[in-house]
Amino acid sequence: PTDKGLLQFNMDPANNPTYTLDQVFDPTWAITAAAERMARARVKYAAKGTLLQDSCGIAQHNAPAWASTWYSTGMAPNAQIQSYVNRVLFYAGDY
């Protein structure tokens, strides 16, 4: 219920206190912010191979704690985040 906007940013003040509703619904801001977050995540998760890097980078946008767990163990922490990442990668294949 706290995810809002075009790219579903978490609006819980404990997680992202600087995002505004206007920003998350602005296509230019949302796409740029999501791309920057993905780029930072790919750098953060770069040391253990491309597949894990991509999976954790995608997971980071949706569930940062699960992404960290995935990276540290090398395995998705649950079926929900694995399914999310699989769907993103599937649809990314169209581009």
C-alpha atoms as a PDB file:
ATOM      1  CA  PRO A   1       0.000   0.000   0.000  1.00  0.00           C
ATOM      2  CA  THR A   2       2.948   2.398   0.339  1.00  0.00           C
ATOM      3  CA  ASP A   3       4.181   1.813  -3.229  1.00  0.00           C
ATOM      4  CA  LYS A   4       3.121   4.700  -5.464  1.00  0.00           C
ATOM      5  CA  GLY A   5       3.793   6.144  -8.872  1.00  0.00           C
ATOM      6  CA  LEU A   6       4.628   4.971 -12.352  1.00  0.00           C
ATOM      7  CA  LEU A   7       7.471   2.713 -11.199  1.00  0.00           C
ATOM      8  CA  GLN A   8       6.090   1.882  -7.756  1.00  0.00           C
ATOM      9  CA  PHE A   9       8.400   3.746  -5.393  1.00  0.00           C
ATOM     10  CA  ASN A  10       7.987   2.934  -1.727  1.00  0.00           C
ATOM     11  CA  MET A  11       6.587   6.064  -0.091  1.00  0.00           C
ATOM     12  CA  ASP A  12       7.015   4.881   3.502  1.00  0.00           C
ATOM     13  CA  PRO A  13       8.876   7.770   5.187  1.00  0.00           C
ATOM     14  CA  ALA A  14      11.186   5.263   6.873  1.00  0.00           C
ATOM     15  CA  ASN A  15      12.407   4.066   3.460  1.00  0.00           C
ATOM     16  CA  ASN A  16      12.300   7.042   1.094  1.00  0.00           C
ATOM     17  CA  PRO A  17      11.504  10.226   2.971  1.00  0.00           C
ATOM     18  CA  THR A  18      12.590  12.490   0.123  1.00  0.00           C
ATOM     19  CA  TYR A  19      10.228  11.262  -2.623  1.00  0.00           C
ATOM     20  CA  THR A  20       7.060  13.234  -3.261  1.00  0.00           C
ATOM     21  CA  LEU A  21       3.873  12.082  -4.957  1.00  0.00           C
ATOM     22  CA  ASP A  22       4.431  14.645  -7.697  1.00  0.00           C
ATOM     23  CA  GLN A  23       7.864  13.154  -8.389  1.00  0.00           C
ATOM     24  CA  VAL A  24       6.837   9.503  -8.475  1.00  0.00           C
ATOM     25  CA  PHE A  25       4.036  10.269 -10.951  1.00  0.00           C
ATOM     26  CA  ASP A  26       6.268  12.431 -13.184  1.00  0.00           C
ATOM     27  CA  PRO A  27       7.574  10.164 -15.986  1.00  0.00           C
ATOM     28  CA  THR A  28      10.863  12.020 -16.409  1.00  0.00           C
ATOM     29  CA  TRP A  29      11.666  12.003 -12.708  1.00  0.00           C
ATOM     30  CA  ALA A  30      10.493   8.420 -12.113  1.00  0.00           C
ATOM     31  CA  ILE A  31      12.376   6.865 -15.015  1.00  0.00           C
ATOM     32  CA  THR A  32      15.552   8.794 -14.199  1.00  0.00           C
ATOM     33  CA  ALA A  33      15.363   7.939 -10.492  1.00  0.00           C
ATOM     34  CA  ALA A  34      14.713   4.259 -11.179  1.00  0.00           C
ATOM     35  CA  ALA A  35      17.592   4.105 -13.676  1.00  0.00           C
ATOM     36  CA  GLU A  36      19.940   5.754 -11.184  1.00  0.00           C
ATOM     37  CA  ARG A  37      18.855   3.318  -8.453  1.00  0.00           C
ATOM     38  CA  MET A  38      19.431   0.382 -10.804  1.00  0.00           C
ATOM     39  CA  ALA A  39      22.877   1.682 -11.768  1.00  0.00           C
ATOM     40  CA  ARG A  40      23.883   2.039  -8.100  1.00  0.00           C
ATOM     41  CA  ALA A  41      22.560  -1.443  -7.346  1.00  0.00           C
ATOM     42  CA  ARG A  42      24.478  -2.977 -10.254  1.00  0.00           C
ATOM     43  CA  VAL A  43      27.692  -1.441  -8.898  1.00  0.00           C
ATOM     44  CA  LYS A  44      26.857  -2.612  -5.378  1.00  0.00           C
ATOM     45  CA  TYR A  45      26.223  -6.183  -6.551  1.00  0.00           C
ATOM     46  CA  ALA A  46      28.973  -6.463  -9.178  1.00  0.00           C
ATOM     47  CA  ALA A  47      31.481  -8.776  -7.483  1.00  0.00           C
ATOM     48  CA  LYS A  48      29.741 -12.144  -7.855  1.00  0.00           C
ATOM     49  CA  GLY A  49      28.838 -12.414 -11.529  1.00  0.00           C
ATOM     50  CA  THR A  50      26.418 -10.887 -13.988  1.00  0.00           C
ATOM     51  CA  LEU A  51      23.377 -13.087 -13.299  1.00  0.00           C
ATOM     52  CA  LEU A  52      23.449 -12.390  -9.561  1.00  0.00           C
ATOM     53  CA  GLN A  53      24.237  -8.727 -10.246  1.00  0.00           C
ATOM     54  CA  ASP A  54      21.210  -8.352 -12.520  1.00  0.00           C
ATOM     55  CA  SER A  55      18.885 -10.298 -10.223  1.00  0.00           C
ATOM     56  CA  CYS A  56      19.877  -8.362  -7.114  1.00  0.00           C
ATOM     57  CA  GLY A  57      19.809  -5.054  -8.980  1.00  0.00           C
ATOM     58  CA  ILE A  58      16.211  -5.695 -10.027  1.00  0.00           C
ATOM     59  CA  ALA A  59      15.265  -6.983  -6.589  1.00  0.00           C
ATOM     60  CA  GLN A  60      16.808  -3.872  -4.994  1.00  0.00           C
ATOM     61  CA  HIS A  61      14.113  -1.667  -6.546  1.00  0.00           C
ATOM     62  CA  ASN A  62      11.317  -3.870  -5.192  1.00  0.00           C
ATOM     63  CA  ALA A  63      12.707  -5.185  -1.907  1.00  0.00           C
ATOM     64  CA  PRO A  64      16.138  -3.908  -0.796  1.00  0.00           C
ATOM     65  CA  ALA A  65      16.419  -6.227   2.217  1.00  0.00           C
ATOM     66  CA  TRP A  66      15.643  -9.282   0.091  1.00  0.00           C
ATOM     67  CA  ALA A  67      18.188  -8.129  -2.511  1.00  0.00           C
ATOM     68  CA  SER A  68      20.893  -7.974   0.167  1.00  0.00           C
ATOM     69  CA  THR A  69      19.977 -11.429   1.446  1.00  0.00           C
ATOM     70  CA  TRP A  70      19.979 -12.802  -2.094  1.00  0.00           C
ATOM     71  CA  TYR A  71      23.419 -11.342  -2.730  1.00  0.00           C
ATOM     72  CA  SER A  72      24.907 -12.658   0.505  1.00  0.00           C
ATOM     73  CA  THR A  73      23.518 -16.192   0.084  1.00  0.00           C
ATOM     74  CA  GLY A  74      23.502 -16.431  -3.698  1.00  0.00           C
ATOM     75  CA  MET A  75      19.880 -17.602  -3.600  1.00  0.00           C
ATOM     76  CA  ALA A  76      16.570 -15.778  -3.783  1.00  0.00           C
ATOM     77  CA  PRO A  77      15.228 -15.517  -0.226  1.00  0.00           C
ATOM     78  CA  ASN A  78      11.705 -16.475  -1.298  1.00  0.00           C
ATOM     79  CA  ALA A  79       9.543 -17.350  -4.277  1.00  0.00           C
ATOM     80  CA  GLN A  80       7.890 -13.925  -4.328  1.00  0.00           C
ATOM     81  CA  ILE A  81      11.054 -11.960  -5.150  1.00  0.00           C
ATOM     82  CA  GLN A  82      12.295 -14.692  -7.501  1.00  0.00           C
ATOM     83  CA  SER A  83       9.015 -14.470  -9.417  1.00  0.00           C
ATOM     84  CA  TYR A  84       9.232 -10.667  -9.553  1.00  0.00           C
ATOM     85  CA  VAL A  85      12.778 -10.754 -10.948  1.00  0.00           C
ATOM     86  CA  ASN A  86      11.862 -13.476 -13.444  1.00  0.00           C
ATOM     87  CA  ARG A  87       8.939 -11.385 -14.734  1.00  0.00           C
ATOM     88  CA  VAL A  88      11.104  -8.282 -15.119  1.00  0.00           C
ATOM     89  CA  LEU A  89      13.780 -10.246 -16.986  1.00  0.00           C
ATOM     90  CA  PHE A  90      11.153 -11.914 -19.183  1.00  0.00           C
ATOM     91  CA  TYR A  91       9.612  -8.605 -20.222  1.00  0.00           C
ATOM     92  CA  ALA A  92      13.033  -6.983 -20.622  1.00  0.00           C
ATOM     93  CA  GLY A  93      13.751  -9.575 -23.283  1.00  0.00           C
ATOM     94  CA  ASP A  94      11.281  -7.738 -25.534  1.00  0.00           C
ATOM     95  CA  TYR A  95      13.596  -4.706 -25.640  1.00  0.00           C
END
